């Protein structure tokens, strides 16, 4: 049989290189796991759109949420009371705003 990422160590038996597993060594191993993505080579994740990090667990909006907003798994910011907008950048007026606000 053919061993994709390893060598034939006995008739019909593949011994896989480090970072690969499976009958023919065709399954890549990411020990850290790929939470919101997939393993592309040993220890390397490709992240789904909207996620980043070595194991794809950080939503991209995490560094963009302002004024105490929290990044949600959807990639959207959940704003603190008194703020709105995609990145929680807009203060909400609780009473009539003055000076053209």
PDB file of N, CA and C in Angstrom:
ATOM      1  N   UNK A   1       0.845  -1.193   0.000  1.00  0.00           N
ATOM      2  CA  UNK A   1       0.000   0.000   0.000  1.00  0.00           C
ATOM      3  C   UNK A   1       0.883   1.246   0.000  1.00  0.00           C
ATOM      4  N   UNK A   2       0.287   2.344  -0.333  1.00  0.00           N
ATOM      5  CA  UNK A   2       1.012   3.604  -0.422  1.00  0.00           C
ATOM      6  C   UNK A   2       0.911   4.367   0.893  1.00  0.00           C
ATOM      7  N   UNK A   3       2.015   4.859   1.395  1.00  0.00           N
ATOM      8  CA  UNK A   3       2.050   5.656   2.622  1.00  0.00           C
ATOM      9  C   UNK A   3       2.295   7.107   2.235  1.00  0.00           C
ATOM     10  N   UNK A   4       1.285   7.966   2.458  1.00  0.00           N
ATOM     11  CA  UNK A   4       1.375   9.362   2.022  1.00  0.00           C
ATOM     12  C   UNK A   4       2.438  10.168   2.761  1.00  0.00           C
ATOM     13  N   UNK A   5       2.452  10.099   4.069  1.00  0.00           N
ATOM     14  CA  UNK A   5       3.367  10.894   4.888  1.00  0.00           C
ATOM     15  C   UNK A   5       4.075   9.986   5.885  1.00  0.00           C
ATOM     16  N   UNK A   6       4.702   8.957   5.335  1.00  0.00           N
ATOM     17  CA  UNK A   6       5.391   7.972   6.147  1.00  0.00           C
ATOM     18  C   UNK A   6       6.074   6.962   5.243  1.00  0.00           C
ATOM     19  N   UNK A   7       6.370   5.784   5.792  1.00  0.00           N
ATOM     20  CA  UNK A   7       7.036   4.746   5.006  1.00  0.00           C
ATOM     21  C   UNK A   7       6.411   3.400   5.316  1.00  0.00           C
ATOM     22  N   UNK A   8       6.581   2.487   4.390  1.00  0.00           N
ATOM     23  CA  UNK A   8       6.074   1.133   4.546  1.00  0.00           C
ATOM     24  C   UNK A   8       7.067   0.374   5.433  1.00  0.00           C
ATOM     25  N   UNK A   9       6.621   0.016   6.637  1.00  0.00           N
ATOM     26  CA  UNK A   9       7.514  -0.655   7.585  1.00  0.00           C
ATOM     27  C   UNK A   9       7.332  -2.170   7.582  1.00  0.00           C
ATOM     28  N   UNK A  10       6.263  -2.633   6.984  1.00  0.00           N
ATOM     29  CA  UNK A  10       5.990  -4.062   6.808  1.00  0.00           C
ATOM     30  C   UNK A  10       4.917  -4.165   5.724  1.00  0.00           C
ATOM     31  N   UNK A  11       4.720  -5.325   5.143  1.00  0.00           N
ATOM     32  CA  UNK A  11       3.685  -5.444   4.112  1.00  0.00           C
ATOM     33  C   UNK A  11       2.329  -4.950   4.622  1.00  0.00           C
ATOM     34  N   UNK A  12       1.805  -3.926   3.970  1.00  0.00           N
ATOM     35  CA  UNK A  12       0.508  -3.359   4.319  1.00  0.00           C
ATOM     36  C   UNK A  12       0.499  -2.502   5.577  1.00  0.00           C
ATOM     37  N   UNK A  13       1.679  -2.151   6.104  1.00  0.00           N
ATOM     38  CA  UNK A  13       1.749  -1.347   7.334  1.00  0.00           C
ATOM     39  C   UNK A  13       2.539  -0.068   7.077  1.00  0.00           C
ATOM     40  N   UNK A  14       1.906   1.069   7.349  1.00  0.00           N
ATOM     41  CA  UNK A  14       2.578   2.363   7.228  1.00  0.00           C
ATOM     42  C   UNK A  14       3.018   2.838   8.607  1.00  0.00           C
ATOM     43  N   UNK A  15       4.211   3.374   8.685  1.00  0.00           N
ATOM     44  CA  UNK A  15       4.682   4.066   9.873  1.00  0.00           C
ATOM     45  C   UNK A  15       4.729   5.540   9.503  1.00  0.00           C
ATOM     46  N   UNK A  16       3.974   6.340  10.243  1.00  0.00           N
ATOM     47  CA  UNK A  16       3.794   7.752   9.883  1.00  0.00           C
ATOM     48  C   UNK A  16       4.917   8.635  10.408  1.00  0.00           C
ATOM     49  N   UNK A  17       5.221   9.673   9.624  1.00  0.00           N
ATOM     50  CA  UNK A  17       6.115  10.724  10.095  1.00  0.00           C
ATOM     51  C   UNK A  17       5.422  11.460  11.232  1.00  0.00           C
ATOM     52  N   UNK A  18       6.198  12.157  12.044  1.00  0.00           N
ATOM     53  CA  UNK A  18       5.655  12.952  13.139  1.00  0.00           C
ATOM     54  C   UNK A  18       4.659  13.969  12.587  1.00  0.00           C
ATOM     55  N   UNK A  19       3.502  14.071  13.224  1.00  0.00           N
ATOM     56  CA  UNK A  19       2.485  15.023  12.806  1.00  0.00           C
ATOM     57  C   UNK A  19       1.424  14.432  11.898  1.00  0.00           C
ATOM     58  N   UNK A  20       1.526  13.123  11.599  1.00  0.00           N
ATOM     59  CA  UNK A  20       0.543  12.458  10.739  1.00  0.00           C
ATOM     60  C   UNK A  20       0.077  11.165  11.381  1.00  0.00           C
ATOM     61  N   UNK A  21      -1.122  10.743  11.034  1.00  0.00           N
ATOM     62  CA  UNK A  21      -1.687   9.496  11.527  1.00  0.00           C
ATOM     63  C   UNK A  21      -2.607   8.913  10.463  1.00  0.00           C
ATOM     64  N   UNK A  22      -3.149   7.743  10.729  1.00  0.00           N
ATOM     65  CA  UNK A  22      -4.071   7.087   9.809  1.00  0.00           C
ATOM     66  C   UNK A  22      -3.428   5.884   9.144  1.00  0.00           C
ATOM     67  N   UNK A  23      -4.256   5.037   8.532  1.00  0.00           N
ATOM     68  CA  UNK A  23      -3.773   3.811   7.886  1.00  0.00           C
ATOM     69  C   UNK A  23      -2.712   4.076   6.825  1.00  0.00           C
ATOM     70  N   UNK A  24      -2.890   5.171   6.077  1.00  0.00           N
ATOM     71  CA  UNK A  24      -1.894   5.513   5.050  1.00  0.00           C
ATOM     72  C   UNK A  24      -1.234   6.863   5.347  1.00  0.00           C
ATOM     73  N   UNK A  25      -1.290   7.272   6.617  1.00  0.00           N
ATOM     74  CA  UNK A  25      -0.641   8.508   7.085  1.00  0.00           C
ATOM     75  C   UNK A  25      -1.141   9.753   6.350  1.00  0.00           C
ATOM     76  N   UNK A  26      -2.445   9.803   6.113  1.00  0.00           N
ATOM     77  CA  UNK A  26      -3.004  10.934   5.365  1.00  0.00           C
ATOM     78  C   UNK A  26      -3.802  11.894   6.244  1.00  0.00           C
ATOM     79  N   UNK A  27      -3.781  11.705   7.562  1.00  0.00           N
ATOM     80  CA  UNK A  27      -4.489  12.594   8.476  1.00  0.00           C
ATOM     81  C   UNK A  27      -3.469  13.431   9.245  1.00  0.00           C
ATOM     82  N   UNK A  28      -3.614  14.759   9.137  1.00  0.00           N
ATOM     83  CA  UNK A  28      -2.702  15.686   9.794  1.00  0.00           C
ATOM     84  C   UNK A  28      -3.111  15.846  11.265  1.00  0.00           C
ATOM     85  N   UNK A  29      -2.115  16.002  12.139  1.00  0.00           N
ATOM     86  CA  UNK A  29      -2.381  16.177  13.569  1.00  0.00           C
ATOM     87  C   UNK A  29      -2.053  17.611  13.988  1.00  0.00           C
ATOM     88  N   UNK A  30      -3.015  18.252  14.636  1.00  0.00           N
ATOM     89  CA  UNK A  30      -2.796  19.545  15.287  1.00  0.00           C
ATOM     90  C   UNK A  30      -3.088  19.314  16.758  1.00  0.00           C
ATOM     91  N   UNK A  31      -2.040  19.109  17.547  1.00  0.00           N
ATOM     92  CA  UNK A  31      -2.211  18.771  18.965  1.00  0.00           C
ATOM     93  C   UNK A  31      -2.989  19.835  19.719  1.00  0.00           C
ATOM     94  N   UNK A  32      -2.850  21.106  19.320  1.00  0.00           N
ATOM     95  CA  UNK A  32      -3.553  22.190  19.997  1.00  0.00           C
ATOM     96  C   UNK A  32      -5.015  22.241  19.603  1.00  0.00           C
ATOM     97  N   UNK A  33      -5.404  21.475  18.576  1.00  0.00           N
ATOM     98  CA  UNK A  33      -6.766  21.514  18.070  1.00  0.00           C
ATOM     99  C   UNK A  33      -7.002  22.773  17.250  1.00  0.00           C
ATOM    100  N   UNK A  34      -7.967  22.720  16.383  1.00  0.00           N
ATOM    101  CA  UNK A  34      -8.356  23.877  15.572  1.00  0.00           C
ATOM    102  C   UNK A  34      -9.833  24.141  15.878  1.00  0.00           C
ATOM    103  N   UNK A  35     -10.089  25.046  16.820  1.00  0.00           N
ATOM    104  CA  UNK A  35     -11.426  25.280  17.352  1.00  0.00           C
ATOM    105  C   UNK A  35     -12.400  25.747  16.267  1.00  0.00           C
ATOM    106  N   UNK A  36     -12.030  26.750  15.520  1.00  0.00           N
ATOM    107  CA  UNK A  36     -12.878  27.299  14.447  1.00  0.00           C
ATOM    108  C   UNK A  36     -12.080  27.282  13.145  1.00  0.00           C
ATOM    109  N   UNK A  37     -11.633  26.107  12.736  1.00  0.00           N
ATOM    110  CA  UNK A  37     -10.845  25.955  11.526  1.00  0.00           C
ATOM    111  C   UNK A  37     -10.471  24.504  11.309  1.00  0.00           C
ATOM    112  N   UNK A  38      -9.428  24.264  10.522  1.00  0.00           N
ATOM    113  CA  UNK A  38      -8.999  22.912  10.215  1.00  0.00           C
ATOM    114  C   UNK A  38      -7.487  22.845  10.155  1.00  0.00           C
ATOM    115  N   UNK A  39      -6.964  21.660  10.371  1.00  0.00           N
ATOM    116  CA  UNK A  39      -5.525  21.425  10.394  1.00  0.00           C
ATOM    117  C   UNK A  39      -5.025  21.254   8.956  1.00  0.00           C
ATOM    118  N   UNK A  40      -4.034  22.047   8.553  1.00  0.00           N
ATOM    119  CA  UNK A  40      -3.517  21.985   7.182  1.00  0.00           C
ATOM    120  C   UNK A  40      -2.169  21.281   7.082  1.00  0.00           C
ATOM    121  N   UNK A  41      -1.378  21.340   8.127  1.00  0.00           N
ATOM    122  CA  UNK A  41      -0.098  20.642   8.217  1.00  0.00           C
ATOM    123  C   UNK A  41       0.193  20.478   9.707  1.00  0.00           C
ATOM    124  N   UNK A  42       1.123  19.623  10.085  1.00  0.00           N
ATOM    125  CA  UNK A  42       1.338  19.376  11.510  1.00  0.00           C
ATOM    126  C   UNK A  42       1.471  20.663  12.328  1.00  0.00           C
ATOM    127  N   UNK A  43       0.530  20.845  13.271  1.00  0.00           N
ATOM    128  CA  UNK A  43       0.566  21.991  14.162  1.00  0.00           C
ATOM    129  C   UNK A  43       0.121  23.308  13.560  1.00  0.00           C
ATOM    130  N   UNK A  44      -0.407  23.296  12.332  1.00  0.00           N
ATOM    131  CA  UNK A  44      -0.807  24.541  11.655  1.00  0.00           C
ATOM    132  C   UNK A  44      -2.295  24.490  11.309  1.00  0.00           C
ATOM    133  N   UNK A  45      -3.040  25.471  11.843  1.00  0.00           N
ATOM    134  CA  UNK A  45      -4.477  25.569  11.565  1.00  0.00           C
ATOM    135  C   UNK A  45      -4.752  26.638  10.506  1.00  0.00           C
ATOM    136  N   UNK A  46      -5.747  26.384   9.677  1.00  0.00           N
ATOM    137  CA  UNK A  46      -6.303  27.406   8.791  1.00  0.00           C
ATOM    138  C   UNK A  46      -7.639  27.779   9.422  1.00  0.00           C
ATOM    139  N   UNK A  47      -7.837  29.058   9.702  1.00  0.00           N
ATOM    140  CA  UNK A  47      -9.019  29.501  10.443  1.00  0.00           C
ATOM    141  C   UNK A  47     -10.200  29.813   9.530  1.00  0.00           C
ATOM    142  N   UNK A  48     -11.406  29.549  10.048  1.00  0.00           N
ATOM    143  CA  UNK A  48     -12.625  29.973   9.373  1.00  0.00           C
ATOM    144  C   UNK A  48     -12.645  31.501   9.343  1.00  0.00           C
ATOM    145  N   UNK A  49     -13.398  32.052   8.401  1.00  0.00           N
ATOM    146  CA  UNK A  49     -13.536  33.501   8.301  1.00  0.00           C
ATOM    147  C   UNK A  49     -14.025  34.061   9.639  1.00  0.00           C
ATOM    148  N   UNK A  50     -13.363  35.109  10.099  1.00  0.00           N
ATOM    149  CA  UNK A  50     -13.755  35.767  11.331  1.00  0.00           C
ATOM    150  C   UNK A  50     -12.983  35.307  12.558  1.00  0.00           C
ATOM    151  N   UNK A  51     -12.039  34.357  12.385  1.00  0.00           N
ATOM    152  CA  UNK A  51     -11.272  33.844  13.518  1.00  0.00           C
ATOM    153  C   UNK A  51      -9.782  33.872  13.227  1.00  0.00           C
ATOM    154  N   UNK A  52      -8.989  33.919  14.282  1.00  0.00           N
ATOM    155  CA  UNK A  52      -7.541  33.967  14.167  1.00  0.00           C
ATOM    156  C   UNK A  52      -6.925  33.259  15.368  1.00  0.00           C
ATOM    157  N   UNK A  53      -5.609  33.170  15.393  1.00  0.00           N
ATOM    158  CA  UNK A  53      -4.896  32.550  16.504  1.00  0.00           C
ATOM    159  C   UNK A  53      -4.342  31.192  16.128  1.00  0.00           C
ATOM    160  N   UNK A  54      -3.438  30.672  16.935  1.00  0.00           N
ATOM    161  CA  UNK A  54      -2.792  29.398  16.612  1.00  0.00           C
ATOM    162  C   UNK A  54      -3.781  28.241  16.559  1.00  0.00           C
ATOM    163  N   UNK A  55      -4.875  28.335  17.321  1.00  0.00           N
ATOM    164  CA  UNK A  55      -5.884  27.272  17.252  1.00  0.00           C
ATOM    165  C   UNK A  55      -7.252  27.812  16.802  1.00  0.00           C
ATOM    166  N   UNK A  56      -7.251  28.993  16.195  1.00  0.00           N
ATOM    167  CA  UNK A  56      -8.458  29.607  15.611  1.00  0.00           C
ATOM    168  C   UNK A  56      -9.570  29.827  16.644  1.00  0.00           C
ATOM    169  N   UNK A  57      -9.204  30.184  17.867  1.00  0.00           N
ATOM    170  CA  UNK A  57     -10.219  30.370  18.904  1.00  0.00           C
ATOM    171  C   UNK A  57     -10.524  31.838  19.193  1.00  0.00           C
ATOM    172  N   UNK A  58      -9.812  32.765  18.563  1.00  0.00           N
ATOM    173  CA  UNK A  58     -10.003  34.190  18.822  1.00  0.00           C
ATOM    174  C   UNK A  58     -10.805  34.830  17.694  1.00  0.00           C
ATOM    175  N   UNK A  59     -11.981  35.353  18.037  1.00  0.00           N
ATOM    176  CA  UNK A  59     -12.781  36.062  17.038  1.00  0.00           C
ATOM    177  C   UNK A  59     -12.050  37.348  16.666  1.00  0.00           C
ATOM    178  N   UNK A  60     -12.044  37.678  15.388  1.00  0.00           N
ATOM    179  CA  UNK A  60     -11.270  38.820  14.898  1.00  0.00           C
ATOM    180  C   UNK A  60     -11.726  40.136  15.515  1.00  0.00           C
ATOM    181  N   UNK A  61     -12.985  40.271  15.866  1.00  0.00           N
ATOM    182  CA  UNK A  61     -13.452  41.542  16.426  1.00  0.00           C
ATOM    183  C   UNK A  61     -12.907  41.799  17.821  1.00  0.00           C
ATOM    184  N   UNK A  62     -12.277  40.813  18.450  1.00  0.00           N
ATOM    185  CA  UNK A  62     -11.826  40.956  19.840  1.00  0.00           C
ATOM    186  C   UNK A  62     -11.009  42.220  20.062  1.00  0.00           C
ATOM    187  N   UNK A  63     -10.155  42.592  19.113  1.00  0.00           N
ATOM    188  CA  UNK A  63      -9.322  43.773  19.292  1.00  0.00           C
ATOM    189  C   UNK A  63     -10.014  45.054  18.821  1.00  0.00           C
ATOM    190  N   UNK A  64     -11.205  44.940  18.264  1.00  0.00           N
ATOM    191  CA  UNK A  64     -11.891  46.100  17.706  1.00  0.00           C
ATOM    192  C   UNK A  64     -13.030  46.618  18.574  1.00  0.00           C
ATOM    193  N   UNK A  65     -13.525  45.810  19.513  1.00  0.00           N
ATOM    194  CA  UNK A  65     -14.647  46.243  20.352  1.00  0.00           C
ATOM    195  C   UNK A  65     -14.176  47.345  21.298  1.00  0.00           C
ATOM    196  N   UNK A  66     -14.927  48.437  21.326  1.00  0.00           N
ATOM    197  CA  UNK A  66     -14.553  49.607  22.122  1.00  0.00           C
ATOM    198  C   UNK A  66     -15.490  49.771  23.320  1.00  0.00           C
ATOM    199  N   UNK A  67     -15.103  50.638  24.234  1.00  0.00           N
ATOM    200  CA  UNK A  67     -15.942  51.055  25.357  1.00  0.00           C
ATOM    201  C   UNK A  67     -16.489  49.884  26.173  1.00  0.00           C
ATOM    202  N   UNK A  68     -15.651  48.882  26.379  1.00  0.00           N
ATOM    203  CA  UNK A  68     -16.048  47.738  27.199  1.00  0.00           C
ATOM    204  C   UNK A  68     -16.870  46.695  26.473  1.00  0.00           C
ATOM    205  N   UNK A  69     -17.020  46.832  25.145  1.00  0.00           N
ATOM    206  CA  UNK A  69     -17.768  45.841  24.377  1.00  0.00           C
ATOM    207  C   UNK A  69     -17.025  44.508  24.349  1.00  0.00           C
ATOM    208  N   UNK A  70     -17.775  43.429  24.259  1.00  0.00           N
ATOM    209  CA  UNK A  70     -17.196  42.084  24.261  1.00  0.00           C
ATOM    210  C   UNK A  70     -17.431  41.412  22.908  1.00  0.00           C
ATOM    211  N   UNK A  71     -16.397  40.801  22.409  1.00  0.00           N
ATOM    212  CA  UNK A  71     -16.493  40.095  21.139  1.00  0.00           C
ATOM    213  C   UNK A  71     -17.242  38.777  21.346  1.00  0.00           C
ATOM    214  N   UNK A  72     -18.216  38.518  20.530  1.00  0.00           N
ATOM    215  CA  UNK A  72     -19.019  37.301  20.597  1.00  0.00           C
ATOM    216  C   UNK A  72     -18.503  36.278  19.576  1.00  0.00           C
ATOM    217  N   UNK A  73     -18.800  34.989  19.783  1.00  0.00           N
ATOM    218  CA  UNK A  73     -18.345  33.961  18.835  1.00  0.00           C
ATOM    219  C   UNK A  73     -18.778  34.228  17.399  1.00  0.00           C
ATOM    220  N   UNK A  74     -19.842  34.994  17.224  1.00  0.00           N
ATOM    221  CA  UNK A  74     -20.314  35.334  15.882  1.00  0.00           C
ATOM    222  C   UNK A  74     -19.365  36.297  15.178  1.00  0.00           C
ATOM    223  N   UNK A  75     -18.459  36.923  15.951  1.00  0.00           N
ATOM    224  CA  UNK A  75     -17.561  37.928  15.389  1.00  0.00           C
ATOM    225  C   UNK A  75     -18.097  39.333  15.544  1.00  0.00           C
ATOM    226  N   UNK A  76     -19.261  39.487  16.173  1.00  0.00           N
ATOM    227  CA  UNK A  76     -19.852  40.797  16.420  1.00  0.00           C
ATOM    228  C   UNK A  76     -19.565  41.234  17.852  1.00  0.00           C
ATOM    229  N   UNK A  77     -19.555  42.548  18.069  1.00  0.00           N
ATOM    230  CA  UNK A  77     -19.354  43.084  19.411  1.00  0.00           C
ATOM    231  C   UNK A  77     -20.687  43.163  20.139  1.00  0.00           C
ATOM    232  N   UNK A  78     -20.684  42.793  21.409  1.00  0.00           N
ATOM    233  CA  UNK A  78     -21.831  42.980  22.288  1.00  0.00           C
ATOM    234  C   UNK A  78     -21.488  44.189  23.149  1.00  0.00           C
ATOM    235  N   UNK A  79     -22.236  45.266  22.970  1.00  0.00           N
ATOM    236  CA  UNK A  79     -21.887  46.541  23.589  1.00  0.00           C
ATOM    237  C   UNK A  79     -22.337  46.644  25.040  1.00  0.00           C
ATOM    238  N   UNK A  80     -21.543  47.391  25.807  1.00  0.00           N
ATOM    239  CA  UNK A  80     -21.910  47.729  27.182  1.00  0.00           C
ATOM    240  C   UNK A  80     -23.078  48.706  27.142  1.00  0.00           C
ATOM    241  N   UNK A  81     -23.805  48.789  28.244  1.00  0.00           N
ATOM    242  CA  UNK A  81     -24.924  49.728  28.338  1.00  0.00           C
ATOM    243  C   UNK A  81     -24.436  51.137  28.018  1.00  0.00           C
ATOM    244  N   UNK A  82     -25.180  51.820  27.191  1.00  0.00           N
ATOM    245  CA  UNK A  82     -24.847  53.197  26.855  1.00  0.00           C
ATOM    246  C   UNK A  82     -24.073  53.350  25.556  1.00  0.00           C
ATOM    247  N   UNK A  83     -23.776  52.232  24.880  1.00  0.00           N
ATOM    248  CA  UNK A  83     -23.017  52.298  23.616  1.00  0.00           C
ATOM    249  C   UNK A  83     -23.668  51.417  22.561  1.00  0.00           C
ATOM    250  N   UNK A  84     -23.452  51.792  21.304  1.00  0.00           N
ATOM    251  CA  UNK A  84     -23.975  51.025  20.179  1.00  0.00           C
ATOM    252  C   UNK A  84     -23.020  51.159  19.004  1.00  0.00           C
ATOM    253  N   UNK A  85     -23.365  50.512  17.908  1.00  0.00           N
ATOM    254  CA  UNK A  85     -22.529  50.530  16.717  1.00  0.00           C
ATOM    255  C   UNK A  85     -21.814  49.197  16.543  1.00  0.00           C
ATOM    256  N   UNK A  86     -21.301  48.989  15.363  1.00  0.00           N
ATOM    257  CA  UNK A  86     -20.637  47.720  15.048  1.00  0.00           C
ATOM    258  C   UNK A  86     -19.523  47.394  16.037  1.00  0.00           C
ATOM    259  N   UNK A  87     -18.767  48.407  16.448  1.00  0.00           N
ATOM    260  CA  UNK A  87     -17.651  48.216  17.376  1.00  0.00           C
ATOM    261  C   UNK A  87     -17.892  48.924  18.703  1.00  0.00           C
ATOM    262  N   UNK A  88     -19.166  49.228  18.996  1.00  0.00           N
ATOM    263  CA  UNK A  88     -19.551  49.916  20.233  1.00  0.00           C
ATOM    264  C   UNK A  88     -18.910  51.304  20.322  1.00  0.00           C
ATOM    265  N   UNK A  89     -18.782  51.948  19.183  1.00  0.00           N
ATOM    266  CA  UNK A  89     -18.099  53.237  19.117  1.00  0.00           C
ATOM    267  C   UNK A  89     -19.022  54.430  19.353  1.00  0.00           C
ATOM    268  N   UNK A  90     -20.327  54.206  19.362  1.00  0.00           N
ATOM    269  CA  UNK A  90     -21.273  55.308  19.480  1.00  0.00           C
ATOM    270  C   UNK A  90     -21.900  55.377  20.869  1.00  0.00           C
ATOM    271  N   UNK A  91     -21.702  56.499  21.591  1.00  0.00           N
ATOM    272  CA  UNK A  91     -22.398  56.640  22.868  1.00  0.00           C
ATOM    273  C   UNK A  91     -23.879  56.919  22.600  1.00  0.00           C
ATOM    274  N   UNK A  92     -24.742  56.302  23.394  1.00  0.00           N
ATOM    275  CA  UNK A  92     -26.190  56.534  23.271  1.00  0.00           C
ATOM    276  C   UNK A  92     -26.572  57.681  24.196  1.00  0.00           C
ATOM    277  N   UNK A  93     -27.366  58.598  23.694  1.00  0.00           N
ATOM    278  CA  UNK A  93     -27.857  59.689  24.531  1.00  0.00           C
ATOM    279  C   UNK A  93     -29.081  59.179  25.281  1.00  0.00           C
ATOM    280  N   UNK A  94     -29.051  59.279  26.605  1.00  0.00           N
ATOM    281  CA  UNK A  94     -30.178  58.823  27.401  1.00  0.00           C
ATOM    282  C   UNK A  94     -31.198  59.924  27.643  1.00  0.00           C
ATOM    283  N   UNK A  95     -30.772  61.145  27.414  1.00  0.00           N
ATOM    284  CA  UNK A  95     -31.697  62.267  27.495  1.00  0.00           C
ATOM    285  C   UNK A  95     -31.482  63.106  26.225  1.00  0.00           C
ATOM    286  N   UNK A  96     -32.217  64.156  26.080  1.00  0.00           N
ATOM    287  CA  UNK A  96     -32.048  64.984  24.893  1.00  0.00           C
ATOM    288  C   UNK A  96     -30.622  65.518  24.828  1.00  0.00           C
ATOM    289  N   UNK A  97     -29.999  65.286  23.696  1.00  0.00           N
ATOM    290  CA  UNK A  97     -28.617  65.749  23.505  1.00  0.00           C
ATOM    291  C   UNK A  97     -28.617  67.247  23.183  1.00  0.00           C
ATOM    292  N   UNK A  98     -27.590  67.930  23.635  1.00  0.00           N
ATOM    293  CA  UNK A  98     -27.473  69.372  23.389  1.00  0.00           C
ATOM    294  C   UNK A  98     -26.344  69.626  22.406  1.00  0.00           C
ATOM    295  N   UNK A  99     -26.253  70.827  21.949  1.00  0.00           N
ATOM    296  CA  UNK A  99     -25.186  71.274  21.048  1.00  0.00           C
ATOM    297  C   UNK A  99     -25.147  70.496  19.745  1.00  0.00           C
ATOM    298  N   UNK A 100     -26.317  70.146  19.234  1.00  0.00           N
ATOM    299  CA  UNK A 100     -26.406  69.485  17.910  1.00  0.00           C
ATOM    300  C   UNK A 100     -26.098  68.002  17.960  1.00  0.00           C
ATOM    301  N   UNK A 101     -25.978  67.388  19.153  1.00  0.00           N
ATOM    302  CA  UNK A 101     -25.642  65.958  19.276  1.00  0.00           C
ATOM    303  C   UNK A 101     -26.845  65.071  19.188  1.00  0.00           C
TER     304      UNK A 101
END
